[in-house]
Amino acid sequence: MVSTGGNCVLAPDCLFNWAEITYPSLFATMGAISTTLAPYYYRYYPQTNAYLATSSADNHVYYPGPSSNNSIFDVGALLPLLSTARCQ
């Protein structure tokens, strides 16, 4: 869990929130609901028909959507991305 302004959120949610702000053309509409479908924790963005997900199987972040030709793109390891997003 990460504390943000008095609120505690899961680290992946912090990353998802950061991605929505940093890449709004990929992850619209902001504030999508996070869901679990093991081993993934993800958000779906219907406006852009994209997903952003973390996997508990390998602790990586994945993006399947139009910018990856709807293929599952491995964005990278979760921990460095959490650091980039200042979620640690």
C-alpha atoms as a PDB file:
ATOM      1  CA  MET A   1       0.000   0.000   0.000  1.00  0.00           C
ATOM      2  CA  VAL A   2       1.086   3.516  -0.764  1.00  0.00           C
ATOM      3  CA  SER A   3      -0.005   6.604   1.148  1.00  0.00           C
ATOM      4  CA  THR A   4      -1.020   9.488  -1.099  1.00  0.00           C
ATOM      5  CA  GLY A   5      -2.264  12.616   0.603  1.00  0.00           C
ATOM      6  CA  GLY A   6      -3.713  10.722   3.542  1.00  0.00           C
ATOM      7  CA  ASN A   7      -5.267   7.986   1.411  1.00  0.00           C
ATOM      8  CA  CYS A   8      -3.849   4.483   1.101  1.00  0.00           C
ATOM      9  CA  VAL A   9      -3.967   2.822  -2.302  1.00  0.00           C
ATOM     10  CA  LEU A  10      -2.468  -0.354  -3.683  1.00  0.00           C
ATOM     11  CA  ALA A  11       0.860   0.199  -5.425  1.00  0.00           C
ATOM     12  CA  PRO A  12      -0.525  -0.925  -8.827  1.00  0.00           C
ATOM     13  CA  ASP A  13      -3.379   1.584  -8.458  1.00  0.00           C
ATOM     14  CA  CYS A  14      -0.827   4.311  -7.819  1.00  0.00           C
ATOM     15  CA  LEU A  15       0.947   3.276 -11.029  1.00  0.00           C
ATOM     16  CA  PHE A  16      -2.333   3.155 -12.966  1.00  0.00           C
ATOM     17  CA  ASN A  17      -3.250   6.647 -11.692  1.00  0.00           C
ATOM     18  CA  TRP A  18       0.167   7.952 -12.753  1.00  0.00           C
ATOM     19  CA  ALA A  19      -0.186   6.364 -16.214  1.00  0.00           C
ATOM     20  CA  GLU A  20      -3.609   7.956 -16.679  1.00  0.00           C
ATOM     21  CA  ILE A  21      -2.167  11.398 -15.929  1.00  0.00           C
ATOM     22  CA  THR A  22       1.064  10.881 -17.886  1.00  0.00           C
ATOM     23  CA  TYR A  23      -0.451   9.169 -20.962  1.00  0.00           C
ATOM     24  CA  PRO A  24      -4.060  10.376 -21.197  1.00  0.00           C
ATOM     25  CA  SER A  25      -4.335   9.462 -24.884  1.00  0.00           C
ATOM     26  CA  LEU A  26      -3.705   5.794 -23.985  1.00  0.00           C
ATOM     27  CA  PHE A  27      -5.664   5.538 -20.741  1.00  0.00           C
ATOM     28  CA  ALA A  28      -8.909   7.461 -21.035  1.00  0.00           C
ATOM     29  CA  THR A  29     -11.131   7.902 -19.120  1.00  0.00           C
ATOM     30  CA  MET A  30      -9.272   8.542 -15.883  1.00  0.00           C
ATOM     31  CA  GLY A  31     -10.333   6.701 -12.748  1.00  0.00           C
ATOM     32  CA  ALA A  32     -11.291   3.366 -14.274  1.00  0.00           C
ATOM     33  CA  ILE A  33     -12.103   0.664 -11.737  1.00  0.00           C
ATOM     34  CA  SER A  34      -9.378  -1.880 -10.963  1.00  0.00           C
ATOM     35  CA  THR A  35     -10.323  -5.541 -11.219  1.00  0.00           C
ATOM     36  CA  THR A  36      -8.631  -8.869 -10.530  1.00  0.00           C
ATOM     37  CA  LEU A  37      -8.587 -11.882 -12.826  1.00  0.00           C
ATOM     38  CA  ALA A  38      -5.748 -14.035 -11.518  1.00  0.00           C
ATOM     39  CA  PRO A  39      -2.878 -13.573 -12.014  1.00  0.00           C
ATOM     40  CA  TYR A  40      -3.720 -10.072 -13.309  1.00  0.00           C
ATOM     41  CA  TYR A  41      -4.763  -6.909 -11.534  1.00  0.00           C
ATOM     42  CA  TYR A  42      -5.905  -4.481 -14.191  1.00  0.00           C
ATOM     43  CA  ARG A  43      -7.919  -1.554 -15.425  1.00  0.00           C
ATOM     44  CA  TYR A  44      -9.864  -1.422 -18.668  1.00  0.00           C
ATOM     45  CA  TYR A  45     -10.244   1.879 -20.507  1.00  0.00           C
ATOM     46  CA  PRO A  46     -13.281   1.610 -22.814  1.00  0.00           C
ATOM     47  CA  GLN A  47     -12.743   5.013 -24.446  1.00  0.00           C
ATOM     48  CA  THR A  48      -9.374   3.845 -25.813  1.00  0.00           C
ATOM     49  CA  ASN A  49     -10.130   0.085 -25.764  1.00  0.00           C
ATOM     50  CA  ALA A  50      -6.954  -0.551 -23.765  1.00  0.00           C
ATOM     51  CA  TYR A  51      -5.905  -2.354 -20.614  1.00  0.00           C
ATOM     52  CA  LEU A  52      -3.154  -1.720 -18.112  1.00  0.00           C
ATOM     53  CA  ALA A  53      -2.302  -4.690 -15.926  1.00  0.00           C
ATOM     54  CA  THR A  54       0.138  -6.065 -13.418  1.00  0.00           C
ATOM     55  CA  SER A  55       0.798  -9.775 -13.096  1.00  0.00           C
ATOM     56  CA  SER A  56       1.408 -11.500  -9.783  1.00  0.00           C
ATOM     57  CA  ALA A  57       2.986 -14.376 -11.735  1.00  0.00           C
ATOM     58  CA  ASP A  58       6.041 -12.361 -12.805  1.00  0.00           C
ATOM     59  CA  ASN A  59       5.589  -8.855 -11.284  1.00  0.00           C
ATOM     60  CA  HIS A  60       5.542  -7.199 -14.694  1.00  0.00           C
ATOM     61  CA  VAL A  61       3.274  -4.550 -16.185  1.00  0.00           C
ATOM     62  CA  TYR A  62       1.374  -5.278 -19.384  1.00  0.00           C
ATOM     63  CA  TYR A  63      -0.434  -3.151 -21.949  1.00  0.00           C
ATOM     64  CA  PRO A  64      -2.750  -4.682 -24.529  1.00  0.00           C
ATOM     65  CA  GLY A  65      -4.400  -2.046 -26.679  1.00  0.00           C
ATOM     66  CA  PRO A  66      -4.375  -0.140 -29.951  1.00  0.00           C
ATOM     67  CA  SER A  67      -0.836   1.199 -29.491  1.00  0.00           C
ATOM     68  CA  SER A  68       0.461  -2.387 -29.379  1.00  0.00           C
ATOM     69  CA  ASN A  69      -1.701  -3.552 -32.306  1.00  0.00           C
ATOM     70  CA  ASN A  70      -3.882  -5.204 -29.630  1.00  0.00           C
ATOM     71  CA  SER A  71      -1.032  -7.545 -28.728  1.00  0.00           C
ATOM     72  CA  ILE A  72       0.041  -7.957 -25.126  1.00  0.00           C
ATOM     73  CA  PHE A  73       3.057  -5.698 -24.660  1.00  0.00           C
ATOM     74  CA  ASP A  74       5.348  -6.295 -21.665  1.00  0.00           C
ATOM     75  CA  VAL A  75       6.019  -2.769 -20.383  1.00  0.00           C
ATOM     76  CA  GLY A  76       8.611  -4.022 -17.885  1.00  0.00           C
ATOM     77  CA  ALA A  77       9.204  -4.995 -14.297  1.00  0.00           C
ATOM     78  CA  LEU A  78       6.766  -3.519 -11.785  1.00  0.00           C
ATOM     79  CA  LEU A  79       9.233  -2.254  -9.156  1.00  0.00           C
ATOM     80  CA  PRO A  80      11.228   0.139 -11.398  1.00  0.00           C
ATOM     81  CA  LEU A  81       7.981   1.488 -12.840  1.00  0.00           C
ATOM     82  CA  LEU A  82       6.616   2.079  -9.336  1.00  0.00           C
ATOM     83  CA  SER A  83       9.758   4.067  -8.636  1.00  0.00           C
ATOM     84  CA  THR A  84       9.359   6.097 -11.844  1.00  0.00           C
ATOM     85  CA  ALA A  85       5.767   6.867 -10.866  1.00  0.00           C
ATOM     86  CA  ARG A  86       6.872   7.743  -7.305  1.00  0.00           C
ATOM     87  CA  CYS A  87       4.682   5.012  -5.871  1.00  0.00           C
ATOM     88  CA  GLN A  88       7.247   3.672  -3.403  1.00  0.00           C
END
